[in-house]
Amino acid sequence: MKHDHIRLSALLAQDQQASRLHTRHLLALRTVCEHWRPLSVHALAALIDATPSTTSRTADRLVAEGLLTRTDNPDDRRVALLEPTQAGRDLNARIARYLLATDPPREAAA
């Protein structure tokens, strides 16, 4: 994960849309995109090892950038659910391609 964080920093300098974000935003976006269902802020916070307040601010930024949507949970209106937009999925795909292309070679087992 730390290695991904370093490589994401390099991506920030190369991708125009990503350059407006911090690595914590990209990691949060990737986490939301890679889940098969919408995530609450608390669930996302647990997955990215951050506080709910920090995660809420991170989600606010991603919503403002048009990368996530925040909708009411039909089962509990006190809980907002986060889902990626098409722009968020597109950026996540670019991130995934970048991480794959920059993945260091694995050492062969002896």
Protein backbone atom coordinates (compact mmCIF):
# COMPACT_ATOMS: atom_id res chain seq x y z
CA MET A 1 0.00 0.00 0.00
CA LYS A 2 2.83 2.43 0.82
CA HIS A 3 4.41 1.65 -2.56
CA ASP A 4 1.08 2.45 -4.26
CA HIS A 5 0.98 5.74 -2.35
CA ILE A 6 4.39 6.70 -3.74
CA ARG A 7 3.42 5.71 -7.29
CA LEU A 8 0.13 7.62 -6.99
CA SER A 9 2.13 10.73 -6.09
CA ALA A 10 3.93 10.39 -9.42
CA LEU A 11 0.59 10.02 -11.23
CA LEU A 12 -0.61 13.29 -9.69
CA ALA A 13 2.07 15.11 -11.65
CA GLN A 14 1.06 13.47 -14.94
CA ASP A 15 -2.76 13.31 -15.04
CA GLN A 16 -4.58 16.63 -15.38
CA GLN A 17 -7.68 15.52 -13.47
CA ALA A 18 -5.72 13.66 -10.80
CA SER A 19 -3.36 16.61 -10.33
CA ARG A 20 -6.14 18.53 -8.54
CA LEU A 21 -6.30 15.82 -5.87
CA HIS A 22 -4.18 14.40 -3.06
CA THR A 23 -3.18 10.75 -2.90
CA ARG A 24 -5.74 10.21 -0.09
CA HIS A 25 -8.45 11.25 -2.56
CA LEU A 26 -7.21 8.79 -5.18
CA LEU A 27 -7.01 5.96 -2.64
CA ALA A 28 -10.56 6.70 -1.45
CA LEU A 29 -11.82 6.81 -5.04
CA ARG A 30 -10.16 3.49 -5.85
CA THR A 31 -11.71 1.90 -2.77
CA VAL A 32 -15.22 3.08 -3.66
CA CYS A 33 -14.80 2.02 -7.30
CA GLU A 34 -13.57 -1.44 -6.40
CA HIS A 35 -16.57 -2.30 -4.21
CA TRP A 36 -19.58 -3.95 -5.75
CA ARG A 37 -22.01 -1.79 -3.76
CA PRO A 38 -22.23 1.81 -2.53
CA LEU A 39 -20.26 2.56 0.62
CA SER A 40 -21.13 4.69 3.61
CA VAL A 41 -18.57 7.21 4.82
CA HIS A 42 -18.01 5.09 7.94
CA ALA A 43 -17.44 1.93 5.88
CA LEU A 44 -15.02 3.78 3.59
CA ALA A 45 -13.20 5.23 6.62
CA ALA A 46 -12.67 1.73 8.01
CA LEU A 47 -11.38 0.44 4.67
CA ILE A 48 -8.86 3.24 4.16
CA ASP A 49 -7.88 3.45 7.84
CA ALA A 50 -8.99 7.05 8.34
CA THR A 51 -11.36 8.85 10.69
CA PRO A 52 -14.95 9.35 9.56
CA SER A 53 -14.52 13.15 9.68
CA THR A 54 -11.43 13.04 7.44
CA THR A 55 -13.17 10.59 5.12
CA SER A 56 -16.25 12.82 4.94
CA ARG A 57 -14.09 15.78 3.85
CA THR A 58 -12.32 13.54 1.33
CA ALA A 59 -15.69 12.40 -0.05
CA ASP A 60 -16.88 16.03 -0.21
CA ARG A 61 -13.91 16.88 -2.41
CA LEU A 62 -14.50 13.88 -4.69
CA VAL A 63 -18.18 14.83 -5.00
CA ALA A 64 -17.21 18.43 -5.82
CA GLU A 65 -14.83 17.13 -8.52
CA GLY A 66 -17.66 15.06 -10.03
CA LEU A 67 -15.97 11.74 -9.23
CA LEU A 68 -18.43 10.45 -6.61
CA THR A 69 -22.11 10.91 -5.86
CA ARG A 70 -23.54 11.03 -2.36
CA THR A 71 -27.10 9.73 -2.00
CA ASP A 72 -29.38 8.93 0.93
CA ASN A 73 -29.47 5.34 2.06
CA PRO A 74 -33.05 4.14 1.47
CA ASP A 75 -32.78 1.91 4.57
CA ASP A 76 -31.39 4.64 6.88
CA ARG A 77 -31.79 8.28 5.84
CA ARG A 78 -29.12 9.32 8.37
CA VAL A 79 -26.49 7.51 6.29
CA ALA A 80 -25.20 8.80 2.97
CA LEU A 81 -23.92 6.34 0.39
CA LEU A 82 -20.99 7.01 -1.92
CA GLU A 83 -20.88 5.74 -5.49
CA PRO A 84 -18.50 6.52 -8.34
CA THR A 85 -19.67 8.57 -11.31
CA GLN A 86 -18.59 7.64 -14.82
CA ALA A 87 -15.82 10.23 -14.51
CA GLY A 88 -14.75 8.56 -11.26
CA ARG A 89 -14.71 5.12 -12.89
CA ASP A 90 -12.72 6.53 -15.83
CA LEU A 91 -10.12 8.09 -13.51
CA ASN A 92 -9.95 4.86 -11.50
CA ALA A 93 -9.27 2.94 -14.72
CA ARG A 94 -6.43 5.34 -15.57
CA ILE A 95 -5.03 4.89 -12.06
CA ALA A 96 -5.21 1.10 -12.39
CA ARG A 97 -3.45 1.18 -15.77
CA TYR A 98 -0.75 3.46 -14.33
CA LEU A 99 -0.20 1.23 -11.30
CA LEU A 100 -0.02 -1.86 -13.50
CA ALA A 101 2.43 -0.21 -15.90
CA THR A 102 4.67 0.95 -13.06
CA ASP A 103 4.46 -2.23 -11.00
CA PRO A 104 8.01 -3.26 -10.13
CA PRO A 105 9.07 -6.68 -11.42
CA ARG A 106 8.65 -9.51 -8.94
CA GLU A 107 11.71 -11.49 -7.95
CA ALA A 108 11.64 -15.07 -9.18
CA ALA A 109 11.38 -17.69 -6.44
CA ALA A 110 14.61 -19.59 -5.95
